[in-house]
N, C-alpha and C. Protein backbone atom coordinates (compact mmCIF):
# COMPACT_ATOMS: atom_id res chain seq x y z
N MET A 1 92.38 180.83 196.95
CA MET A 1 91.66 179.74 195.68
C MET A 1 92.80 180.22 194.68
N LEU A 2 93.51 181.43 194.53
CA LEU A 2 94.56 181.34 193.48
C LEU A 2 95.53 180.70 193.54
N GLY A 3 96.25 180.44 195.05
CA GLY A 3 97.07 179.56 195.25
C GLY A 3 96.97 177.89 194.79
N ILE A 4 95.45 177.52 195.11
CA ILE A 4 95.37 176.13 194.67
C ILE A 4 95.30 176.12 193.06
N PHE A 5 94.87 177.21 192.26
CA PHE A 5 94.81 177.17 191.01
C PHE A 5 96.42 176.83 190.45
N ALA A 6 97.09 177.62 191.56
CA ALA A 6 98.80 177.75 190.47
C ALA A 6 99.20 176.57 190.74
N PHE A 7 99.11 175.66 192.11
CA PHE A 7 99.50 174.87 192.18
C PHE A 7 99.08 173.42 191.45
N SER A 8 97.72 173.42 190.96
CA SER A 8 97.26 172.55 190.34
C SER A 8 97.95 172.41 188.83
N PHE A 9 97.86 173.67 188.48
CA PHE A 9 98.37 174.03 186.97
C PHE A 9 100.29 173.56 186.98
N GLU A 10 100.62 173.80 188.12
CA GLU A 10 102.20 173.01 187.93
C GLU A 10 101.96 171.30 187.95
N VAL A 11 101.02 170.95 188.83
CA VAL A 11 101.30 169.84 189.04
C VAL A 11 100.68 168.77 187.96
N SER A 12 99.97 169.45 187.06
CA SER A 12 99.13 168.68 185.93
C SER A 12 100.27 169.06 184.35
N ALA A 13 101.15 169.83 184.87
CA ALA A 13 101.86 170.10 183.77
C ALA A 13 102.79 169.14 183.47
N GLN A 14 103.17 168.39 184.22
CA GLN A 14 104.35 167.22 184.20
C GLN A 14 103.84 166.09 183.49
N THR A 15 102.22 165.77 183.30
CA THR A 15 101.84 164.71 182.74
C THR A 15 101.00 165.20 181.33
N ILE A 16 101.60 165.96 180.41
CA ILE A 16 100.79 166.49 179.06
C ILE A 16 100.86 165.24 178.15
N PRO A 17 100.15 164.79 177.66
CA PRO A 17 99.73 163.78 176.74
C PRO A 17 100.29 164.18 175.44
N THR A 18 100.50 163.45 174.23
CA THR A 18 100.91 164.10 173.21
C THR A 18 99.54 163.86 172.32
N THR A 19 99.34 165.02 171.32
CA THR A 19 98.43 165.16 170.43
C THR A 19 98.75 165.32 169.09
N ALA A 20 98.19 165.16 168.10
CA ALA A 20 98.45 165.34 166.60
C ALA A 20 98.91 166.67 166.20
N ALA A 21 99.88 166.62 165.24
CA ALA A 21 100.45 168.10 164.71
C ALA A 21 99.42 168.78 164.22
N ILE A 22 99.34 170.02 164.43
CA ILE A 22 98.25 171.00 163.81
C ILE A 22 98.92 171.68 162.61
N ASP A 23 97.89 172.32 161.74
CA ASP A 23 98.23 172.95 160.72
C ASP A 23 98.94 174.25 161.17
N THR A 24 100.46 174.26 160.91
CA THR A 24 101.15 175.72 161.62
C THR A 24 100.96 176.71 160.78
N VAL A 25 100.53 176.95 159.46
CA VAL A 25 100.04 178.07 158.89
C VAL A 25 98.99 178.58 159.42
N ALA A 26 97.73 177.78 159.81
CA ALA A 26 96.53 178.40 160.33
C ALA A 26 96.76 178.80 161.92
N ALA A 27 97.78 177.86 162.17
CA ALA A 27 97.71 178.15 163.91
C ALA A 27 98.50 179.25 163.98
N LYS A 28 99.32 180.11 163.10
CA LYS A 28 100.14 181.11 163.61
C LYS A 28 99.27 182.55 163.96
N SER A 29 97.72 182.39 163.28
CA SER A 29 97.10 183.55 163.81
C SER A 29 96.86 183.43 165.27
N TYR A 30 96.95 182.55 165.92
CA TYR A 30 96.69 182.17 167.74
C TYR A 30 98.19 182.64 168.42
N VAL A 31 99.18 182.55 167.89
CA VAL A 31 100.44 182.74 168.40
C VAL A 31 100.49 184.22 168.92
N GLY A 32 101.22 184.25 170.16
CA GLY A 32 101.58 185.95 170.35
C GLY A 32 101.38 186.04 172.12
N LYS A 33 101.37 186.98 172.47
CA LYS A 33 101.26 187.27 173.94
C LYS A 33 99.89 188.15 173.98
N TYR A 34 99.10 187.45 175.55
CA TYR A 34 97.85 187.87 175.66
C TYR A 34 98.22 188.41 177.08
N LYS A 35 97.68 189.75 177.14
CA LYS A 35 97.79 190.31 178.77
C LYS A 35 96.49 189.94 179.37
N VAL A 36 96.64 189.37 180.60
CA VAL A 36 95.59 188.62 181.50
C VAL A 36 94.99 190.11 182.29
N LYS A 37 93.63 189.84 181.98
CA LYS A 37 92.91 191.52 182.97
C LYS A 37 93.06 191.07 184.13
N GLU A 38 92.51 189.62 184.60
CA GLU A 38 92.49 189.55 186.05
C GLU A 38 92.51 188.14 186.40
N GLY A 39 93.75 187.40 186.81
CA GLY A 39 93.93 186.40 187.21
C GLY A 39 95.32 185.89 187.95
N PRO A 40 95.51 184.81 188.21
CA PRO A 40 96.45 184.45 188.86
C PRO A 40 97.97 184.78 188.21
N PHE A 41 97.96 185.17 186.98
CA PHE A 41 99.31 185.00 186.23
C PHE A 41 98.69 186.47 185.24
N GLU A 42 99.98 187.01 185.08
CA GLU A 42 99.91 188.41 184.20
C GLU A 42 99.60 188.03 182.83
N GLU A 43 100.21 187.07 182.12
CA GLU A 43 100.46 186.86 180.75
C GLU A 43 100.39 185.50 180.07
N LEU A 44 99.57 185.52 179.19
CA LEU A 44 99.49 183.93 178.29
C LEU A 44 100.31 184.13 177.47
N ILE A 45 101.02 183.14 176.96
CA ILE A 45 101.66 182.96 175.69
C ILE A 45 101.71 181.86 174.86
N VAL A 46 100.98 182.21 173.70
CA VAL A 46 100.62 181.04 172.79
C VAL A 46 101.76 180.93 171.88
N SER A 47 102.22 179.28 171.60
CA SER A 47 103.33 179.69 170.54
C SER A 47 103.30 177.99 169.87
N ILE A 48 103.87 177.83 169.14
CA ILE A 48 104.21 176.38 168.21
C ILE A 48 105.38 175.57 168.56
N GLN A 49 105.69 174.92 168.77
CA GLN A 49 106.50 174.13 169.09
C GLN A 49 106.63 172.40 168.82
N GLY A 50 107.32 172.32 167.97
CA GLY A 50 107.10 170.84 167.15
C GLY A 50 106.19 170.54 166.77
N GLY A 51 105.28 171.65 166.01
CA GLY A 51 104.42 171.39 165.53
C GLY A 51 102.79 171.10 166.11
N LYS A 52 103.05 171.55 167.51
CA LYS A 52 101.92 171.69 168.17
C LYS A 52 101.73 173.23 168.92
N LEU A 53 100.22 173.57 169.20
CA LEU A 53 100.15 174.84 169.66
C LEU A 53 100.27 174.68 171.26
N TYR A 54 100.96 175.60 172.11
CA TYR A 54 101.06 175.49 173.59
C TYR A 54 100.48 176.60 173.73
N GLY A 55 100.11 176.69 175.21
CA GLY A 55 99.88 177.86 176.09
C GLY A 55 100.49 177.63 177.25
N GLU A 56 101.41 179.12 177.58
CA GLU A 56 102.02 178.96 178.70
C GLU A 56 101.44 180.03 179.45
N ALA A 57 100.88 180.06 180.75
CA ALA A 57 100.75 180.65 181.80
C ALA A 57 101.94 181.14 182.43
N VAL A 58 102.24 182.27 182.32
CA VAL A 58 103.86 182.51 182.68
C VAL A 58 103.83 182.75 184.38
N GLY A 59 104.88 181.41 184.59
CA GLY A 59 105.19 181.52 186.20
C GLY A 59 104.41 180.42 186.73
N GLN A 60 103.50 179.86 185.82
CA GLN A 60 102.68 178.71 186.27
C GLN A 60 102.97 177.35 185.67
N GLY A 61 103.36 177.42 184.24
CA GLY A 61 103.74 176.16 183.45
C GLY A 61 102.75 176.21 182.22
N SER A 62 102.93 175.18 181.04
CA SER A 62 102.21 175.15 179.61
C SER A 62 101.60 174.07 179.83
N ALA A 63 100.88 174.25 178.30
CA ALA A 63 100.04 172.65 178.31
C ALA A 63 99.99 172.75 176.37
N VAL A 64 100.10 171.77 176.18
CA VAL A 64 99.57 171.73 174.82
C VAL A 64 97.75 171.91 174.63
N LEU A 65 97.80 172.69 173.68
CA LEU A 65 96.37 173.26 172.97
C LEU A 65 95.77 172.27 171.75
N ALA A 66 94.84 171.58 172.15
CA ALA A 66 94.40 170.40 171.34
C ALA A 66 93.18 171.10 170.31
N ALA A 67 93.13 171.03 169.31
CA ALA A 67 92.12 171.20 168.39
C ALA A 67 90.64 170.53 169.12
N THR A 68 89.89 171.50 169.00
CA THR A 68 88.14 170.78 169.05
C THR A 68 87.45 170.58 167.91
N LYS A 69 86.50 170.23 167.78
CA LYS A 69 85.64 170.47 166.42
C LYS A 69 84.84 172.00 166.12
N GLU A 70 85.03 172.80 167.25
CA GLU A 70 84.57 174.23 167.09
C GLU A 70 85.81 175.08 166.72
N ALA A 71 85.67 175.90 165.87
CA ALA A 71 86.47 176.69 165.43
C ALA A 71 87.16 177.76 166.52
N ASP A 72 88.00 177.95 167.01
CA ASP A 72 88.96 178.67 167.37
C ASP A 72 88.81 178.29 169.15
N ILE A 73 88.70 177.01 169.17
CA ILE A 73 88.50 176.35 170.68
C ILE A 73 89.30 175.64 170.89
N PHE A 74 90.35 175.34 171.74
CA PHE A 74 91.39 174.44 171.96
C PHE A 74 90.98 173.81 173.44
N GLU A 75 90.89 172.55 173.51
CA GLU A 75 91.24 172.01 174.84
C GLU A 75 93.05 172.13 175.39
N VAL A 76 92.76 172.40 177.04
CA VAL A 76 94.09 172.52 177.33
C VAL A 76 94.38 171.15 177.89
N VAL A 77 95.28 170.82 177.24
CA VAL A 77 95.49 169.16 177.76
C VAL A 77 96.23 169.09 179.23
N GLY A 78 95.63 168.00 179.66
CA GLY A 78 95.97 167.90 181.21
C GLY A 78 95.39 168.56 182.19
N TYR A 79 94.38 169.51 181.55
CA TYR A 79 93.84 170.42 182.84
C TYR A 79 92.56 170.64 183.17
N ASP A 80 91.69 169.68 181.87
CA ASP A 80 90.32 169.54 181.78
C ASP A 80 89.89 171.11 181.70
N GLY A 81 90.33 171.72 180.84
CA GLY A 81 89.93 173.09 180.45
C GLY A 81 89.98 173.58 179.09
N LYS A 82 89.40 174.67 178.72
CA LYS A 82 89.43 175.30 177.26
C LYS A 82 90.09 176.36 176.84
N ILE A 83 89.94 176.92 175.92
CA ILE A 83 90.61 178.20 175.46
C ILE A 83 90.03 178.49 174.57
N GLU A 84 89.66 179.59 174.24
CA GLU A 84 88.74 180.11 172.80
C GLU A 84 89.28 181.33 172.82
N PHE A 85 89.42 181.56 171.21
CA PHE A 85 90.27 182.41 170.95
C PHE A 85 88.92 183.42 170.36
N VAL A 86 88.94 184.63 170.73
CA VAL A 86 87.99 185.62 169.94
C VAL A 86 88.18 186.51 168.95
N ARG A 87 87.51 186.74 167.97
CA ARG A 87 87.99 187.31 166.65
C ARG A 87 87.24 188.81 166.57
N ASN A 88 87.55 189.84 166.00
CA ASN A 88 87.06 190.74 165.85
C ASN A 88 86.02 190.92 164.38
N ASP A 89 85.33 192.01 164.21
CA ASP A 89 84.77 192.09 162.87
C ASP A 89 85.56 192.16 161.40
N GLN A 90 86.98 192.07 161.81
CA GLN A 90 88.11 191.94 160.59
C GLN A 90 88.40 190.37 161.04
N LYS A 91 88.03 189.19 161.85
CA LYS A 91 88.59 187.93 161.57
C LYS A 91 89.94 188.06 162.27
N VAL A 92 90.20 188.97 163.00
CA VAL A 92 91.39 188.98 163.58
C VAL A 92 91.40 188.31 165.00
N ILE A 93 92.40 187.80 165.55
CA ILE A 93 92.12 187.43 167.06
C ILE A 93 92.42 188.53 168.01
N VAL A 94 91.63 188.88 168.94
CA VAL A 94 91.88 190.21 169.87
C VAL A 94 92.07 189.57 171.10
N LYS A 95 91.80 188.46 171.18
CA LYS A 95 91.61 188.12 172.81
C LYS A 95 91.52 186.39 172.83
N ALA A 96 91.81 186.07 174.08
CA ALA A 96 91.45 184.66 174.36
C ALA A 96 91.14 184.44 175.67
N LYS A 97 90.20 183.61 175.77
CA LYS A 97 89.15 183.41 177.10
C LYS A 97 89.78 181.91 177.61
N LEU A 98 90.36 181.70 178.82
CA LEU A 98 90.62 180.48 179.13
C LEU A 98 89.57 180.26 180.43
N SER A 99 89.17 178.65 180.18
CA SER A 99 88.30 178.41 181.21
C SER A 99 88.76 177.08 181.72
N LEU A 100 89.15 177.19 183.06
CA LEU A 100 90.10 176.44 184.04
C LEU A 100 89.59 176.26 185.39
N GLN A 101 89.24 174.89 185.51
CA GLN A 101 88.80 174.90 186.87
C GLN A 101 87.59 175.67 187.43
N GLY A 102 86.97 175.90 186.65
CA GLY A 102 85.79 176.47 186.93
C GLY A 102 85.86 178.35 186.99
N ASN A 103 87.19 178.75 186.48
CA ASN A 103 87.63 180.21 186.34
C ASN A 103 87.35 180.40 185.19
N ILE A 104 86.98 181.58 184.97
CA ILE A 104 87.38 182.09 183.39
C ILE A 104 88.10 183.49 183.26
N ILE A 105 89.30 183.24 182.64
CA ILE A 105 90.33 183.90 182.60
C ILE A 105 90.30 184.71 181.25
N GLU A 106 90.50 185.90 181.22
CA GLU A 106 90.40 186.95 179.78
C GLU A 106 91.67 187.82 179.67
N ALA A 107 92.19 187.38 178.04
CA ALA A 107 93.50 188.06 178.20
C ALA A 107 93.73 188.60 176.91
N GLU A 108 93.63 190.13 176.52
CA GLU A 108 93.98 190.64 175.47
C GLU A 108 95.26 190.30 174.84
N LYS A 109 95.06 190.30 173.12
CA LYS A 109 96.13 189.99 172.92
C LYS A 109 96.87 191.36 172.27
N GLN A 110 98.15 190.93 172.55
CA GLN A 110 99.07 192.10 172.38
C GLN A 110 99.50 192.43 171.12
N PRO A 111 99.97 193.57 170.51
CA PRO A 111 100.21 193.94 169.09
C PRO A 111 101.62 193.13 169.37
């Protein structure tokens, strides 16, 4: 099943539609490297490029992360998925939960 996930991720990455630019100041809290606990890739990298938030599953491809109406939840554009950034009691992002193709992949934010 992991092979199918990887194949689908790479194929879909070629058809990323454009989305509106985000508030880069607010988005900086999401930026960083996230270590995947268990999944078809080891690391998720979140970055800002050209005013848009991107998520990259290392070795699999990348996608625009489009804001939703819910705080800290983004649509993974082109993949029919969502990513939720989880905050601790001090409101600092400590992990990400990626829901994609019926799978949930958790990743801890690295210092």
